[in-house]
Structures are given as structure tokens and as C-alpha cells.
Amino acid sequence: MIEAEISTEVRQAVSWRSRLRALAGGLADLALPPQCLACQRTTASHGGLCPACWGELRLIEKPFCPRLAIPFAYDLGPEAVSAEAIADPPPFDRMRAVACFDGVARALVHGLKYRDRTELARWIGGWMARSAVEVLAEADVVVPVPLHRWRLWRRRFNQSAVLARELARTATVPFAPAALQRVRATAQQVGLSATERDRNVRGAFRVPPASRAEIAGKRVVLVDDVYTTGATTRAATRALIRSGATAVDVVVFARVVRGAD
């Protein structure tokens, strides 16, 4: 009898907590109506895109190249890789990306990166985690592409680290934000050719001695916001492999795809 009364009280307490949460959420919606993450139009719920922006977001879904996340026009078979991956094989094993880097994806990245909209990381990181389920399932550690300390000081946060933390939290994989360092200040990659980008980041990354135990013998997921020519990602991957990583997979929110515009 006493147990039944306690059980009833517990159910009532849970019910009241649920009602209070729903009420708090409703009041929050009145104070701050849900908005599209990209264009700020009013939406039905928080953390989404309006129908127009969803329609413009170019998702990278199967079939795509498993090495470089380049979408295929049609299914070429489970072992098929892109011509780019054959001509210039990347040092990492696999890449996963949510979308092509244009339009809405660019607006989201720029909002996070340049306009201090750090609240976007929760939603962008969630999309990245869903796009990389099988990669994260095999991961031993999640590592962000780092900024040089001077650029970090100017920008105040590293967008790749914020996204990597969200992936690690979602997938319950250890997060190692300091396992990779950018030891040389580099010029902005924007506007540089592919050759210039490679030269710009050559030798720019290293795993500090204190962090080698976090990398050696581990399968690493390297996280960045955007993959353009791949110069930064490749340089960072090589530094991880030199320090004993058994394999590196890459997860980004968006990647440049030629002909996607």
C-alpha cells in the first residue's frame, strides 16, 4: 500500500515537472519566437530551418564518395570512389559532410564563424553527428582543427572546437581539444590557389608531447567546419598520423563541390 502511494506521488511529481517544462518552453517561445537558423524567419520550433531554406540546403546524401564525401549523380556501387580520390588519395580514411558549401550552408557557417552565433553549434553539430554515425561509432577520440593562438585571441573562440565538442558529446566519444596544435601562424586561406594553400599550411600542425598518448594507437575523428581544397585537413591529418594515430576520419559541416552551384 505504501509502495503504491509512493509510486503515485512519483508519477504526479514527474507529471508536474513535465507540465512546468512545457509551460516554461511556451513562455520562452512567446518571449523569443522560434526563428530559422539561416534567415531568421519565424518557424514552428526552435533549431530548424524554414521551408525555403530547407529547400535550398544541398544535403550530401548517398550515393557519395566515402573518401571525400563528393556526391555521385547515380549509385556506382558500394566500393566506388570519386575520380578525385583516385587521382590524389587523401591521407585520411573517410570524410562525412552534411551539405555542399553554398547558399544556406554558407550563411550558417558564416553566422557561427564571423558573427559569434555560437548557439548554431548545437544544431550544426547535431546534423554533423547524424551524417557521421558509422564513423563516430568507430572513433576513439574527437579532435578539432586548431586555430593559431593569435587568431584564437582575435576571434575569441574556435568554431571547429565548438562543433567537435558537440559531436563528442552526442556520440559519447572522448574529446581532446588540445591534442593538435597549430604551431605556425598562417595566412588566411581565402583567395589562395590550391598550391598556395598547401604551401601555406605545410608544417603548421603538430601533436604536443603531452598529448601523444591521446593520439597514439587511436582512431581519430578530425572535425572542421568547411572542407575547401583540403590543404588544412590534409596537413592536420599528417601531423596526427606522424604522432601514431592508426587512422583519421574527417567530419565537416559543409564541403565545396565543383559544379554544385
Protein backbone atom coordinates (compact mmCIF):
# COMPACT_ATOMS: atom_id res chain seq x y z
CA MET A 1 0.00 0.00 0.00
CA ILE A 2 2.79 2.40 0.99
CA GLU A 3 4.75 1.50 -2.18
CA ALA A 4 1.66 2.19 -4.30
CA GLU A 5 1.23 5.61 -2.66
CA ILE A 6 4.90 6.45 -3.24
CA SER A 7 4.62 5.33 -6.87
CA THR A 8 1.58 7.57 -7.34
CA GLU A 9 3.40 10.53 -5.78
CA VAL A 10 6.40 9.97 -8.06
CA ARG A 11 4.18 9.85 -11.16
CA GLN A 12 2.44 13.03 -10.07
CA ALA A 13 5.78 14.78 -9.46
CA VAL A 14 7.04 13.75 -12.90
CA SER A 15 3.78 14.92 -14.47
CA TRP A 16 4.04 18.32 -12.76
CA ARG A 17 7.68 18.69 -13.84
CA SER A 18 6.69 17.90 -17.42
CA ARG A 19 3.91 20.49 -17.28
CA LEU A 20 6.26 23.11 -15.82
CA ARG A 21 8.84 22.42 -18.57
CA ALA A 22 6.13 22.73 -21.22
CA LEU A 23 4.92 25.98 -19.66
CA ALA A 24 8.48 27.34 -19.49
CA GLY A 25 9.00 26.40 -23.12
CA GLY A 26 5.76 28.12 -24.12
CA LEU A 27 6.74 31.29 -22.25
CA ALA A 28 10.18 31.20 -23.90
CA ASP A 29 8.54 30.91 -27.31
CA LEU A 30 6.42 33.96 -26.52
CA ALA A 31 9.48 35.95 -25.44
CA LEU A 32 11.75 34.63 -28.21
CA PRO A 33 9.69 33.16 -31.06
CA PRO A 34 11.39 30.29 -32.93
CA GLN A 35 13.35 31.53 -35.93
CA CYS A 36 15.00 29.94 -38.94
CA LEU A 37 18.68 29.38 -38.14
CA ALA A 38 19.71 30.78 -41.52
CA CYS A 39 17.35 33.64 -42.41
CA GLN A 40 15.64 34.38 -39.05
CA ARG A 41 12.10 33.96 -40.42
CA THR A 42 9.61 32.68 -37.86
CA THR A 43 9.39 28.88 -37.71
CA ALA A 44 7.25 26.31 -35.89
CA SER A 45 10.00 25.26 -33.46
CA HIS A 46 13.49 26.17 -32.33
CA GLY A 47 16.57 24.76 -34.01
CA GLY A 48 15.34 24.34 -37.54
CA LEU A 49 15.20 25.94 -40.95
CA CYS A 50 12.21 27.47 -42.66
CA PRO A 51 10.80 25.57 -45.67
CA ALA A 52 12.53 27.93 -48.11
CA CYS A 53 15.97 27.42 -46.54
CA TRP A 54 15.47 23.65 -46.24
CA GLY A 55 14.68 23.62 -49.93
CA GLU A 56 17.91 25.47 -50.74
CA LEU A 57 20.20 23.43 -48.47
CA ARG A 58 22.05 20.95 -50.70
CA LEU A 59 22.42 17.89 -48.49
CA ILE A 60 25.12 15.34 -49.28
CA GLU A 61 23.31 12.03 -49.11
CA LYS A 62 24.05 8.60 -50.55
CA PRO A 63 25.36 7.86 -53.06
CA PHE A 64 28.62 9.73 -52.43
CA CYS A 65 32.35 9.06 -52.41
CA PRO A 66 33.22 7.57 -48.99
CA ARG A 67 36.73 9.03 -49.12
CA LEU A 68 35.87 12.65 -49.98
CA ALA A 69 32.08 12.96 -49.50
CA ILE A 70 31.62 14.06 -53.10
CA PRO A 71 28.04 13.29 -54.18
CA PHE A 72 27.51 10.97 -57.14
CA ALA A 73 24.85 11.57 -59.77
CA TYR A 74 23.87 7.90 -59.50
CA ASP A 75 24.86 4.83 -57.49
CA LEU A 76 28.19 3.42 -58.70
CA GLY A 77 28.30 0.57 -56.19
CA PRO A 78 29.40 0.18 -52.57
CA GLU A 79 33.15 0.25 -53.31
CA ALA A 80 33.12 3.14 -55.77
CA VAL A 81 35.21 6.23 -55.04
CA SER A 82 35.42 9.52 -56.87
CA ALA A 83 37.92 10.35 -59.60
CA GLU A 84 39.40 12.97 -57.26
CA ALA A 85 40.10 10.35 -54.58
CA ILE A 86 41.77 8.10 -57.14
CA ALA A 87 43.90 10.87 -58.68
CA ASP A 88 45.01 12.35 -55.34
CA PRO A 89 44.24 9.96 -52.45
CA PRO A 90 43.77 11.82 -49.16
CA PRO A 91 45.83 10.80 -46.09
CA PHE A 92 42.61 10.31 -44.10
CA ASP A 93 40.38 7.26 -44.50
CA ARG A 94 36.87 8.70 -44.77
CA MET A 95 35.07 12.01 -44.88
CA ARG A 96 31.50 12.84 -43.99
CA ALA A 97 29.81 16.17 -44.74
CA VAL A 98 26.27 17.41 -44.22
CA ALA A 99 25.91 19.75 -47.19
CA CYS A 100 27.52 21.48 -50.14
CA PHE A 101 29.11 24.77 -49.18
CA ASP A 102 26.83 27.26 -50.87
CA GLY A 103 23.79 29.39 -50.08
CA VAL A 104 22.22 28.33 -46.79
CA ALA A 105 25.20 26.25 -45.64
CA ARG A 106 27.50 29.23 -46.20
CA ALA A 107 25.13 31.50 -44.24
CA LEU A 108 25.15 29.08 -41.29
CA VAL A 109 28.94 28.72 -41.29
CA HIS A 110 29.49 32.47 -41.54
CA GLY A 111 26.94 33.07 -38.77
CA LEU A 112 28.86 30.77 -36.44
CA LYS A 113 32.34 31.76 -37.55
CA TYR A 114 32.17 35.51 -38.03
CA ARG A 115 29.02 36.71 -36.25
CA ASP A 116 29.51 34.96 -32.89
CA ARG A 117 26.30 32.95 -33.25
CA THR A 118 27.66 30.14 -31.10
CA GLU A 119 24.13 28.85 -30.48
CA LEU A 120 24.26 27.46 -34.03
CA ALA A 121 26.89 24.93 -32.95
CA ARG A 122 24.29 22.80 -31.17
CA TRP A 123 22.22 22.32 -34.30
CA ILE A 124 25.07 22.19 -36.82
CA GLY A 125 26.92 19.71 -34.62
CA GLY A 126 23.80 17.57 -34.33
CA TRP A 127 23.45 17.40 -38.11
CA MET A 128 27.14 16.51 -38.41
CA ALA A 129 26.78 13.72 -35.85
CA ARG A 130 23.85 12.22 -37.73
CA SER A 131 25.74 12.34 -41.04
CA ALA A 132 28.72 10.52 -39.48
CA VAL A 133 27.05 7.88 -37.30
CA GLU A 134 29.17 4.96 -38.55
CA VAL A 135 32.38 7.00 -38.41
CA LEU A 136 31.76 8.16 -34.84
CA ALA A 137 30.80 4.62 -33.78
CA GLU A 138 34.36 3.51 -34.55
CA ALA A 139 36.11 6.59 -33.14
CA ASP A 140 38.44 6.59 -30.14
CA VAL A 141 38.81 10.36 -29.85
CA VAL A 142 37.46 13.56 -31.44
CA VAL A 143 39.95 16.33 -32.28
CA PRO A 144 39.22 19.78 -33.76
CA VAL A 145 41.33 21.53 -36.38
CA PRO A 146 43.02 24.18 -34.22
CA LEU A 147 43.50 27.90 -34.72
CA HIS A 148 46.83 29.58 -34.09
CA ARG A 149 46.82 31.26 -30.67
CA TRP A 150 46.88 34.77 -32.16
CA ARG A 151 43.90 34.11 -34.39
CA LEU A 152 42.11 32.43 -31.49
CA TRP A 153 42.74 35.53 -29.38
CA ARG A 154 41.26 37.79 -32.10
CA ARG A 155 38.27 35.57 -32.83
CA ARG A 156 37.73 34.58 -29.16
CA PHE A 157 36.66 31.01 -29.99
CA ASN A 158 37.47 28.21 -32.41
CA GLN A 159 34.36 27.23 -34.36
CA SER A 160 35.85 23.80 -35.14
CA ALA A 161 36.40 23.11 -31.44
CA VAL A 162 32.83 24.13 -30.61
CA LEU A 163 31.50 21.74 -33.27
CA ALA A 164 33.88 18.95 -32.24
CA ARG A 165 32.73 19.24 -28.62
CA GLU A 166 29.13 18.84 -29.75
CA LEU A 167 29.99 15.74 -31.82
CA ALA A 168 31.92 14.18 -28.95
CA ARG A 169 29.07 14.88 -26.54
CA THR A 170 26.42 13.48 -28.88
CA ALA A 171 28.41 10.33 -29.68
CA THR A 172 29.89 9.92 -26.15
CA VAL A 173 33.40 9.80 -27.58
CA PRO A 174 36.38 11.36 -25.71
CA PHE A 175 37.09 14.95 -26.74
CA ALA A 176 40.72 16.12 -26.99
CA PRO A 177 40.64 19.86 -27.77
CA ALA A 178 44.38 20.40 -27.20
CA ALA A 179 45.69 17.22 -28.84
CA LEU A 180 46.56 19.06 -32.04
CA GLN A 181 48.23 22.47 -32.18
CA ARG A 182 48.75 24.99 -34.96
CA VAL A 183 52.35 25.95 -34.25
CA ARG A 184 52.84 28.38 -37.11
CA ALA A 185 50.67 31.38 -37.92
CA THR A 186 49.41 31.07 -41.48
CA ALA A 187 47.81 33.50 -43.89
CA GLN A 188 44.07 33.35 -44.48
CA GLN A 189 43.31 30.56 -46.96
CA VAL A 190 40.54 32.56 -48.64
CA GLY A 191 41.68 33.74 -52.06
CA LEU A 192 44.67 31.40 -52.30
CA SER A 193 45.08 28.80 -55.03
CA ALA A 194 45.23 25.11 -54.15
CA THR A 195 49.04 25.12 -54.44
CA GLU A 196 49.31 28.25 -52.31
CA ARG A 197 47.01 26.72 -49.70
CA ASP A 198 49.19 23.60 -49.48
CA ARG A 199 52.33 25.69 -49.08
CA ASN A 200 50.63 27.95 -46.54
CA VAL A 201 49.78 25.14 -44.07
CA ARG A 202 52.77 22.85 -44.63
CA GLY A 203 54.33 22.05 -41.26
CA ALA A 204 51.76 24.20 -39.43
CA PHE A 205 50.42 21.43 -37.15
CA ARG A 206 51.87 19.15 -34.50
CA VAL A 207 50.76 16.96 -31.63
CA PRO A 208 52.48 18.23 -28.45
CA PRO A 209 54.41 15.59 -26.45
CA ALA A 210 51.93 15.83 -23.57
CA SER A 211 49.06 14.84 -25.90
CA ARG A 212 50.65 11.96 -27.78
CA ALA A 213 49.06 9.37 -25.51
CA GLU A 214 45.64 10.71 -26.58
CA ILE A 215 46.52 10.08 -30.25
CA ALA A 216 48.92 7.13 -30.47
CA GLY A 217 47.16 3.91 -31.40
CA LYS A 218 43.80 5.69 -31.71
CA ARG A 219 41.28 6.10 -34.50
CA VAL A 220 40.83 9.88 -34.64
CA VAL A 221 37.87 11.88 -35.91
CA LEU A 222 39.16 15.26 -37.10
CA VAL A 223 36.49 17.98 -37.13
CA ASP A 224 36.33 21.22 -39.13
CA ASP A 225 33.54 23.49 -40.32
CA VAL A 226 34.30 23.54 -44.06
CA TYR A 227 36.40 21.49 -46.48
CA THR A 228 37.54 23.55 -49.45
CA THR A 229 40.67 22.29 -51.23
CA GLY A 230 41.60 20.04 -48.33
CA ALA A 231 45.00 21.61 -47.68
CA THR A 232 44.35 22.31 -43.99
CA THR A 233 42.68 18.96 -43.34
CA ARG A 234 45.44 17.01 -45.06
CA ALA A 235 48.20 18.84 -43.17
CA ALA A 236 46.42 18.25 -39.86
CA THR A 237 45.84 14.58 -40.71
CA ARG A 238 49.53 14.03 -41.49
CA ALA A 239 50.51 15.53 -38.13
CA LEU A 240 48.15 13.12 -36.35
CA ILE A 241 49.48 10.11 -38.29
CA ARG A 242 53.09 11.12 -37.57
CA SER A 243 52.19 11.01 -33.88
CA GLY A 244 50.89 7.47 -34.09
CA ALA A 245 47.19 7.70 -34.96
CA THR A 246 46.16 4.39 -36.52
CA ALA A 247 43.65 6.14 -38.78
CA VAL A 248 41.98 9.51 -39.24
CA ASP A 249 38.42 10.18 -40.39
CA VAL A 250 37.18 13.68 -41.15
CA VAL A 251 33.78 15.18 -40.34
CA VAL A 252 32.81 18.64 -41.61
CA PHE A 253 29.56 20.53 -41.86
CA ALA A 254 29.99 21.56 -45.49
CA ARG A 255 32.35 20.94 -48.36
CA VAL A 256 32.94 22.70 -51.63
CA VAL A 257 31.65 20.62 -54.54
CA ARG A 258 32.58 21.68 -58.02
CA GLY A 259 29.53 22.13 -60.22
CA ALA A 260 27.14 22.24 -57.23
CA ASP A 261 26.18 25.88 -57.85
